[in-house]
PDB file of N, CA and C in Angstrom:
ATOM      1  N   MET A   1       0.203  -1.317  -0.112  1.00  0.00           N
ATOM      2  CA  MET A   1       0.051  -0.256   0.089  1.00  0.00           C
ATOM      3  C   MET A   1       1.194   1.708  -0.401  1.00  0.00           C
ATOM      4  N   THR A   2       0.863   2.618  -0.732  1.00  0.00           N
ATOM      5  CA  THR A   2       1.370   4.129  -0.720  1.00  0.00           C
ATOM      6  C   THR A   2       0.512   4.439   0.817  1.00  0.00           C
ATOM      7  N   THR A   3       1.662   5.335   0.767  1.00  0.00           N
ATOM      8  CA  THR A   3       1.201   6.197   2.916  1.00  0.00           C
ATOM      9  C   THR A   3       2.165   7.044   1.296  1.00  0.00           C
ATOM     10  N   ILE A   4       1.107   7.845   1.743  1.00  0.00           N
ATOM     11  CA  ILE A   4       1.590   9.641   1.482  1.00  0.00           C
ATOM     12  C   ILE A   4       0.916  10.307   2.307  1.00  0.00           C
ATOM     13  N   LYS A   5       2.260  11.292   2.275  1.00  0.00           N
ATOM     14  CA  LYS A   5       3.176  12.040   2.735  1.00  0.00           C
ATOM     15  C   LYS A   5       3.254  13.606   2.014  1.00  0.00           C
ATOM     16  N   VAL A   6       2.539  13.624   1.594  1.00  0.00           N
ATOM     17  CA  VAL A   6       2.829  15.095   1.255  1.00  0.00           C
ATOM     18  C   VAL A   6       1.004  15.824   2.082  1.00  0.00           C
ATOM     19  N   THR A   7       0.653  16.842   2.456  1.00  0.00           N
ATOM     20  CA  THR A   7      -0.518  17.436   3.071  1.00  0.00           C
ATOM     21  C   THR A   7      -1.301  17.983   2.030  1.00  0.00           C
ATOM     22  N   PRO A   8      -2.688  18.171   2.341  1.00  0.00           N
ATOM     23  CA  PRO A   8      -3.170  18.548   1.600  1.00  0.00           C
ATOM     24  C   PRO A   8      -2.965  20.296   1.059  1.00  0.00           C
ATOM     25  N   GLU A   9      -2.864  20.594   2.382  1.00  0.00           N
ATOM     26  CA  GLU A   9      -2.091  21.919   2.612  1.00  0.00           C
ATOM     27  C   GLU A   9      -1.086  22.883   1.674  1.00  0.00           C
ATOM     28  N   GLN A  10      -0.038  21.433   2.007  1.00  0.00           N
ATOM     29  CA  GLN A  10       1.397  22.036   1.013  1.00  0.00           C
ATOM     30  C   GLN A  10       0.788  21.216  -1.125  1.00  0.00           C
ATOM     31  N   LEU A  11      -0.369  20.716  -1.157  1.00  0.00           N
ATOM     32  CA  LEU A  11      -0.525  20.781  -2.201  1.00  0.00           C
ATOM     33  C   LEU A  11      -1.695  22.065  -2.663  1.00  0.00           C
ATOM     34  N   LEU A  12      -2.477  21.769  -1.945  1.00  0.00           N
ATOM     35  CA  LEU A  12      -3.351  24.011  -2.065  1.00  0.00           C
ATOM     36  C   LEU A  12      -2.344  25.238  -2.042  1.00  0.00           C
ATOM     37  N   SER A  13      -1.352  25.228  -1.389  1.00  0.00           N
ATOM     38  CA  SER A  13      -0.623  26.624  -0.961  1.00  0.00           C
ATOM     39  C   SER A  13       0.659  25.633  -2.508  1.00  0.00           C
ATOM     40  N   VAL A  14       0.862  24.582  -3.494  1.00  0.00           N
ATOM     41  CA  VAL A  14       1.645  24.697  -4.741  1.00  0.00           C
ATOM     42  C   VAL A  14       0.628  24.590  -5.243  1.00  0.00           C
ATOM     43  N   SER A  15      -0.998  24.926  -5.715  1.00  0.00           N
ATOM     44  CA  SER A  15      -1.857  24.913  -6.224  1.00  0.00           C
ATOM     45  C   SER A  15      -1.838  26.801  -6.680  1.00  0.00           C
ATOM     46  N   ARG A  16      -2.380  27.628  -5.936  1.00  0.00           N
ATOM     47  CA  ARG A  16      -2.092  28.408  -5.654  1.00  0.00           C
ATOM     48  C   ARG A  16      -1.533  29.165  -6.058  1.00  0.00           C
ATOM     49  N   GLN A  17       0.674  28.554  -5.838  1.00  0.00           N
ATOM     50  CA  GLN A  17       1.970  29.381  -6.412  1.00  0.00           C
ATOM     51  C   GLN A  17       1.236  28.573  -8.194  1.00  0.00           C
ATOM     52  N   PHE A  18       0.230  28.454  -9.142  1.00  0.00           N
ATOM     53  CA  PHE A  18       0.378  27.552  -9.974  1.00  0.00           C
ATOM     54  C   PHE A  18      -0.511  28.847 -10.371  1.00  0.00           C
ATOM     55  N   GLU A  19      -1.612  29.083  -9.119  1.00  0.00           N
ATOM     56  CA  GLU A  19      -2.761  30.080 -10.478  1.00  0.00           C
ATOM     57  C   GLU A  19      -2.159  31.419 -10.409  1.00  0.00           C
ATOM     58  N   ALA A  20      -1.185  32.109  -9.130  1.00  0.00           N
ATOM     59  CA  ALA A  20      -0.501  33.277  -9.518  1.00  0.00           C
ATOM     60  C   ALA A  20       0.392  32.800 -10.843  1.00  0.00           C
ATOM     61  N   ALA A  21       1.271  32.214 -11.132  1.00  0.00           N
ATOM     62  CA  ALA A  21       1.936  32.061 -11.689  1.00  0.00           C
ATOM     63  C   ALA A  21       1.429  32.052 -13.914  1.00  0.00           C
ATOM     64  N   GLN A  22      -0.058  31.473 -13.053  1.00  0.00           N
ATOM     65  CA  GLN A  22      -1.397  31.534 -13.610  1.00  0.00           C
ATOM     66  C   GLN A  22      -1.301  33.349 -14.843  1.00  0.00           C
ATOM     67  N   SER A  23      -1.695  33.530 -14.167  1.00  0.00           N
ATOM     68  CA  SER A  23      -2.242  34.853 -13.382  1.00  0.00           C
ATOM     69  C   SER A  23      -1.229  35.654 -14.572  1.00  0.00           C
ATOM     70  N   GLN A  24       0.181  35.119 -13.569  1.00  0.00           N
ATOM     71  CA  GLN A  24       1.119  37.305 -14.042  1.00  0.00           C
ATOM     72  C   GLN A  24       1.611  36.728 -15.323  1.00  0.00           C
ATOM     73  N   VAL A  25       1.360  35.720 -16.265  1.00  0.00           N
ATOM     74  CA  VAL A  25       2.038  34.970 -17.821  1.00  0.00           C
ATOM     75  C   VAL A  25       0.650  36.145 -18.452  1.00  0.00           C
ATOM     76  N   PHE A  26      -0.209  35.632 -18.383  1.00  0.00           N
ATOM     77  CA  PHE A  26      -1.506  35.791 -18.887  1.00  0.00           C
ATOM     78  C   PHE A  26      -1.638  37.499 -18.997  1.00  0.00           C
ATOM     79  N   GLN A  27      -1.440  38.687 -18.292  1.00  0.00           N
ATOM     80  CA  GLN A  27      -1.411  39.369 -17.385  1.00  0.00           C
ATOM     81  C   GLN A  27       0.309  40.040 -18.374  1.00  0.00           C
ATOM     82  N   MET A  28       1.253  39.710 -18.652  1.00  0.00           N
ATOM     83  CA  MET A  28       2.892  39.657 -18.945  1.00  0.00           C
ATOM     84  C   MET A  28       2.775  40.180 -20.584  1.00  0.00           C
ATOM     85  N   ASN A  29       1.975  39.321 -21.115  1.00  0.00           N
ATOM     86  CA  ASN A  29       1.302  37.743 -22.362  1.00  0.00           C
ATOM     87  C   ASN A  29       0.719  39.206 -23.567  1.00  0.00           C
ATOM     88  N   SER A  30      -0.716  39.933 -21.994  1.00  0.00           N
ATOM     89  CA  SER A  30      -1.265  40.310 -22.517  1.00  0.00           C
ATOM     90  C   SER A  30      -0.308  42.404 -22.735  1.00  0.00           C
ATOM     91  N   ILE A  31      -0.181  42.492 -21.545  1.00  0.00           N
ATOM     92  CA  ILE A  31       0.830  43.326 -21.855  1.00  0.00           C
ATOM     93  C   ILE A  31       2.111  43.486 -22.924  1.00  0.00           C
ATOM     94  N   LEU A  32       2.427  42.414 -23.563  1.00  0.00           N
ATOM     95  CA  LEU A  32       4.063  42.714 -24.493  1.00  0.00           C
ATOM     96  C   LEU A  32       2.842  42.286 -25.474  1.00  0.00           C
ATOM     97  N   LYS A  33       1.911  41.137 -25.834  1.00  0.00           N
ATOM     98  CA  LYS A  33       1.181  41.982 -27.138  1.00  0.00           C
ATOM     99  C   LYS A  33       0.875  43.153 -27.038  1.00  0.00           C
ATOM    100  N   GLN A  34      -0.071  44.165 -26.352  1.00  0.00           N
ATOM    101  CA  GLN A  34      -0.030  45.628 -26.583  1.00  0.00           C
ATOM    102  C   GLN A  34       0.849  46.712 -26.708  1.00  0.00           C
ATOM    103  N   HIS A  35       1.589  46.569 -26.138  1.00  0.00           N
ATOM    104  CA  HIS A  35       3.484  47.014 -26.739  1.00  0.00           C
ATOM    105  C   HIS A  35       3.783  46.999 -28.612  1.00  0.00           C
ATOM    106  N   LEU A  36       3.954  46.001 -28.581  1.00  0.00           N
ATOM    107  CA  LEU A  36       3.955  45.079 -30.004  1.00  0.00           C
ATOM    108  C   LEU A  36       2.942  46.020 -31.027  1.00  0.00           C
ATOM    109  N   PHE A  37       1.837  46.271 -30.638  1.00  0.00           N
ATOM    110  CA  PHE A  37       1.213  46.376 -31.858  1.00  0.00           C
ATOM    111  C   PHE A  37       0.807  47.560 -31.818  1.00  0.00           C
ATOM    112  N   GLU A  38       1.049  48.629 -31.044  1.00  0.00           N
ATOM    113  CA  GLU A  38       1.918  50.098 -30.611  1.00  0.00           C
ATOM    114  C   GLU A  38       2.664  49.901 -31.584  1.00  0.00           C
ATOM    115  N   ILE A  39       3.767  49.098 -31.594  1.00  0.00           N
ATOM    116  CA  ILE A  39       4.811  49.811 -32.656  1.00  0.00           C
ATOM    117  C   ILE A  39       4.954  49.506 -34.016  1.00  0.00           C
ATOM    118  N   GLU A  40       4.244  48.423 -34.459  1.00  0.00           N
ATOM    119  CA  GLU A  40       3.740  47.915 -35.884  1.00  0.00           C
ATOM    120  C   GLU A  40       3.391  48.165 -36.809  1.00  0.00           C
ATOM    121  N   ARG A  41       2.868  49.904 -36.112  1.00  0.00           N
ATOM    122  CA  ARG A  41       2.952  50.532 -37.361  1.00  0.00           C
ATOM    123  C   ARG A  41       3.646  50.622 -37.966  1.00  0.00           C
ATOM    124  N   GLN A  42       5.158  51.336 -36.823  1.00  0.00           N
ATOM    125  CA  GLN A  42       5.956  52.087 -36.728  1.00  0.00           C
ATOM    126  C   GLN A  42       7.667  51.437 -37.770  1.00  0.00           C
ATOM    127  N   TRP A  43       6.951  49.677 -38.166  1.00  0.00           N
ATOM    128  CA  TRP A  43       7.378  49.275 -38.184  1.00  0.00           C
ATOM    129  C   TRP A  43       7.743  48.564 -38.962  1.00  0.00           C
ATOM    130  N   ASP A  44       8.463  48.178 -41.324  1.00  0.00           N
ATOM    131  CA  ASP A  44       8.846  47.789 -41.695  1.00  0.00           C
ATOM    132  C   ASP A  44       9.406  46.479 -42.290  1.00  0.00           C
ATOM    133  N   GLY A  45       8.994  45.899 -42.532  1.00  0.00           N
ATOM    134  CA  GLY A  45      10.293  45.133 -43.395  1.00  0.00           C
ATOM    135  C   GLY A  45      10.789  43.527 -43.143  1.00  0.00           C
ATOM    136  N   SER A  46      11.891  42.957 -43.923  1.00  0.00           N
ATOM    137  CA  SER A  46      11.596  41.837 -43.187  1.00  0.00           C
ATOM    138  C   SER A  46      11.992  41.297 -41.892  1.00  0.00           C
ATOM    139  N   THR A  47      12.868  42.415 -41.612  1.00  0.00           N
ATOM    140  CA  THR A  47      12.855  41.760 -39.821  1.00  0.00           C
ATOM    141  C   THR A  47      11.797  42.224 -39.340  1.00  0.00           C
ATOM    142  N   LYS A  48      11.131  42.248 -39.477  1.00  0.00           N
ATOM    143  CA  LYS A  48       9.994  42.719 -38.993  1.00  0.00           C
ATOM    144  C   LYS A  48       8.897  42.084 -38.604  1.00  0.00           C
ATOM    145  N   GLU A  49       8.626  41.137 -40.423  1.00  0.00           N
ATOM    146  CA  GLU A  49       8.192  39.730 -40.642  1.00  0.00           C
ATOM    147  C   GLU A  49       8.840  38.916 -40.000  1.00  0.00           C
ATOM    148  N   LYS A  50      10.092  38.376 -40.059  1.00  0.00           N
ATOM    149  CA  LYS A  50      10.712  37.383 -38.298  1.00  0.00           C
ATOM    150  C   LYS A  50      10.422  37.398 -37.498  1.00  0.00           C
ATOM    151  N   PHE A  51      10.512  39.117 -36.934  1.00  0.00           N
ATOM    152  CA  PHE A  51      10.668  38.930 -35.510  1.00  0.00           C
ATOM    153  C   PHE A  51       8.458  38.724 -35.453  1.00  0.00           C
ATOM    154  N   TYR A  52       8.119  39.060 -35.842  1.00  0.00           N
ATOM    155  CA  TYR A  52       6.728  38.992 -36.042  1.00  0.00           C
ATOM    156  C   TYR A  52       6.171  37.517 -35.775  1.00  0.00           C
ATOM    157  N   TYR A  53       7.275  36.226 -36.890  1.00  0.00           N
ATOM    158  CA  TYR A  53       6.992  35.721 -36.714  1.00  0.00           C
ATOM    159  C   TYR A  53       6.813  34.512 -35.799  1.00  0.00           C
ATOM    160  N   ASP A  54       8.641  34.374 -35.552  1.00  0.00           N
ATOM    161  CA  ASP A  54       8.911  34.429 -34.386  1.00  0.00           C
ATOM    162  C   ASP A  54       7.838  34.474 -32.569  1.00  0.00           C
ATOM    163  N   PHE A  55       6.924  35.317 -32.554  1.00  0.00           N
ATOM    164  CA  PHE A  55       6.545  36.015 -31.651  1.00  0.00           C
ATOM    165  C   PHE A  55       5.846  35.214 -31.306  1.00  0.00           C
ATOM    166  N   THR A  56       5.109  35.267 -32.582  1.00  0.00           N
ATOM    167  CA  THR A  56       4.002  33.879 -32.552  1.00  0.00           C
ATOM    168  C   THR A  56       4.425  32.505 -31.911  1.00  0.00           C
ATOM    169  N   VAL A  57       5.312  32.037 -32.564  1.00  0.00           N
ATOM    170  CA  VAL A  57       5.547  30.960 -32.080  1.00  0.00           C
ATOM    171  C   VAL A  57       5.448  30.806 -30.467  1.00  0.00           C
ATOM    172  N   ALA A  58       6.100  32.112 -30.313  1.00  0.00           N
ATOM    173  CA  ALA A  58       6.239  31.814 -28.365  1.00  0.00           C
ATOM    174  C   ALA A  58       5.647  32.320 -27.643  1.00  0.00           C
ATOM    175  N   GLN A  59       4.303  33.183 -28.662  1.00  0.00           N
ATOM    176  CA  GLN A  59       2.702  33.653 -27.986  1.00  0.00           C
ATOM    177  C   GLN A  59       2.130  32.288 -27.208  1.00  0.00           C
ATOM    178  N   LYS A  60       2.823  31.172 -28.917  1.00  0.00           N
ATOM    179  CA  LYS A  60       1.646  29.960 -28.571  1.00  0.00           C
ATOM    180  C   LYS A  60       2.216  29.211 -27.234  1.00  0.00           C
ATOM    181  N   VAL A  61       3.434  29.463 -27.586  1.00  0.00           N
ATOM    182  CA  VAL A  61       4.023  28.176 -27.088  1.00  0.00           C
ATOM    183  C   VAL A  61       3.151  28.965 -25.105  1.00  0.00           C
ATOM    184  N   MET A  62       3.073  29.963 -25.467  1.00  0.00           N
ATOM    185  CA  MET A  62       3.371  31.256 -23.982  1.00  0.00           C
ATOM    186  C   MET A  62       1.794  30.979 -23.411  1.00  0.00           C
ATOM    187  N   ASP A  63       0.996  30.645 -23.607  1.00  0.00           N
ATOM    188  CA  ASP A  63      -0.845  30.421 -24.186  1.00  0.00           C
ATOM    189  C   ASP A  63      -1.019  28.762 -23.677  1.00  0.00           C
ATOM    190  N   ASN A  64       0.100  28.137 -24.069  1.00  0.00           N
ATOM    191  CA  ASN A  64       0.244  26.676 -23.643  1.00  0.00           C
ATOM    192  C   ASN A  64       0.283  26.883 -22.352  1.00  0.00           C
ATOM    193  N   PHE A  65       1.469  27.158 -21.941  1.00  0.00           N
ATOM    194  CA  PHE A  65       1.465  27.228 -20.979  1.00  0.00           C
ATOM    195  C   PHE A  65       0.604  27.909 -19.346  1.00  0.00           C
ATOM    196  N   VAL A  66      -0.077  29.496 -20.308  1.00  0.00           N
ATOM    197  CA  VAL A  66      -1.587  29.692 -19.159  1.00  0.00           C
ATOM    198  C   VAL A  66      -2.513  28.444 -18.770  1.00  0.00           C
ATOM    199  N   SER A  67      -2.149  28.314 -19.705  1.00  0.00           N
ATOM    200  CA  SER A  67      -3.688  26.721 -19.544  1.00  0.00           C
ATOM    201  C   SER A  67      -3.157  26.091 -19.238  1.00  0.00           C
ATOM    202  N   LEU A  68      -1.776  24.911 -19.457  1.00  0.00           N
ATOM    203  CA  LEU A  68      -0.788  23.971 -19.150  1.00  0.00           C
ATOM    204  C   LEU A  68      -1.207  24.304 -17.350  1.00  0.00           C
ATOM    205  N   SER A  69      -0.925  25.516 -16.557  1.00  0.00           N
ATOM    206  CA  SER A  69      -0.690  26.128 -15.074  1.00  0.00           C
ATOM    207  C   SER A  69      -2.063  25.391 -14.713  1.00  0.00           C
ATOM    208  N   LEU A  70      -2.560  26.292 -15.222  1.00  0.00           N
ATOM    209  CA  LEU A  70      -4.110  26.485 -14.497  1.00  0.00           C
ATOM    210  C   LEU A  70      -4.250  25.010 -15.023  1.00  0.00           C
ATOM    211  N   SER A  71      -4.651  23.429 -15.554  1.00  0.00           N
ATOM    212  CA  SER A  71      -4.499  22.414 -15.447  1.00  0.00           C
ATOM    213  C   SER A  71      -3.493  21.794 -13.585  1.00  0.00           C
ATOM    214  N   ILE A  72      -2.749  22.070 -14.419  1.00  0.00           N
ATOM    215  CA  ILE A  72      -1.758  21.885 -13.292  1.00  0.00           C
ATOM    216  C   ILE A  72      -2.769  22.220 -11.310  1.00  0.00           C
ATOM    217  N   ALA A  73      -2.646  23.140 -11.801  1.00  0.00           N
ATOM    218  CA  ALA A  73      -3.600  24.222 -10.318  1.00  0.00           C
ATOM    219  C   ALA A  73      -5.010  22.153  -9.590  1.00  0.00           C
ATOM    220  N   LYS A  74      -5.882  22.980 -10.719  1.00  0.00           N
ATOM    221  CA  LYS A  74      -6.880  22.522 -10.931  1.00  0.00           C
ATOM    222  C   LYS A  74      -6.563  20.407 -10.413  1.00  0.00           C
ATOM    223  N   GLU A  75      -5.344  20.142 -11.461  1.00  0.00           N
ATOM    224  CA  GLU A  75      -5.285  18.825 -10.849  1.00  0.00           C
ATOM    225  C   GLU A  75      -4.934  18.242  -9.243  1.00  0.00           C
ATOM    226  N   LEU A  76      -4.117  19.806  -8.857  1.00  0.00           N
ATOM    227  CA  LEU A  76      -3.189  19.746  -7.432  1.00  0.00           C
ATOM    228  C   LEU A  76      -4.280  20.073  -6.367  1.00  0.00           C
ATOM    229  N   GLN A  77      -5.431  20.933  -6.956  1.00  0.00           N
ATOM    230  CA  GLN A  77      -6.236  20.578  -6.090  1.00  0.00           C
ATOM    231  C   GLN A  77      -7.052  19.684  -5.933  1.00  0.00           C
ATOM    232  N   ALA A  78      -7.500  18.992  -7.050  1.00  0.00           N
ATOM    233  CA  ALA A  78      -7.990  17.780  -6.473  1.00  0.00           C
ATOM    234  C   ALA A  78      -7.687  16.479  -5.542  1.00  0.00           C
ATOM    235  N   HIS A  79      -6.819  17.125  -6.213  1.00  0.00           N
ATOM    236  CA  HIS A  79      -5.719  15.324  -5.192  1.00  0.00           C
ATOM    237  C   HIS A  79      -5.771  16.478  -4.138  1.00  0.00           C
ATOM    238  N   ALA A  80      -5.579  17.386  -3.039  1.00  0.00           N
ATOM    239  CA  ALA A  80      -6.066  17.637  -1.597  1.00  0.00           C
ATOM    240  C   ALA A  80      -6.732  17.665  -1.569  1.00  0.00           C
ATOM    241  N   GLU A  81      -7.809  17.573  -2.978  1.00  0.00           N
ATOM    242  CA  GLU A  81      -9.938  17.315  -1.762  1.00  0.00           C
ATOM    243  C   GLU A  81      -9.429  15.270  -1.841  1.00  0.00           C
ATOM    244  N   LYS A  82      -9.369  14.981  -2.096  1.00  0.00           N
ATOM    245  CA  LYS A  82      -9.035  13.240  -2.807  1.00  0.00           C
ATOM    246  C   LYS A  82      -8.088  12.894  -1.401  1.00  0.00           C
ATOM    247  N   PHE A  83      -7.279  13.332  -0.574  1.00  0.00           N
ATOM    248  CA  PHE A  83      -6.445  13.215   0.185  1.00  0.00           C
ATOM    249  C   PHE A  83      -7.118  13.678   1.920  1.00  0.00           C
ATOM    250  N   ARG A  84      -7.996  14.868   1.831  1.00  0.00           N
ATOM    251  CA  ARG A  84      -9.137  15.064   2.792  1.00  0.00           C
ATOM    252  C   ARG A  84      -9.827  13.447   3.109  1.00  0.00           C
ATOM    253  N   LEU A  85     -11.055  13.179   2.223  1.00  0.00           N
ATOM    254  CA  LEU A  85     -10.937  12.782   2.614  1.00  0.00           C
ATOM    255  C   LEU A  85     -10.327  11.034   3.009  1.00  0.00           C
ATOM    256  N   CYS A  86      -8.978  10.551   2.824  1.00  0.00           N
ATOM    257  CA  CYS A  86      -8.654   9.541   3.421  1.00  0.00           C
ATOM    258  C   CYS A  86      -8.961   9.663   4.275  1.00  0.00           C
TER     259      CYS A  86
END
């Protein structure tokens, strides 16, 4: 039989950290996108195209991080609740 050595409170604490990180990254992404859209009108050429392509790829990775962070937080919360019932 497996022994659970982590407390529900520890799981919830880590879950809150993932939620906070998710929120911070989401806000940071929004601010960065806004700043880039502001300078986009003033920038032209192949360097801009390459940069925006790379940024779009990176943005998808960051969006995935936001989604995964929230998913991890919810999973930790579910385990904490399950451990409380044991």
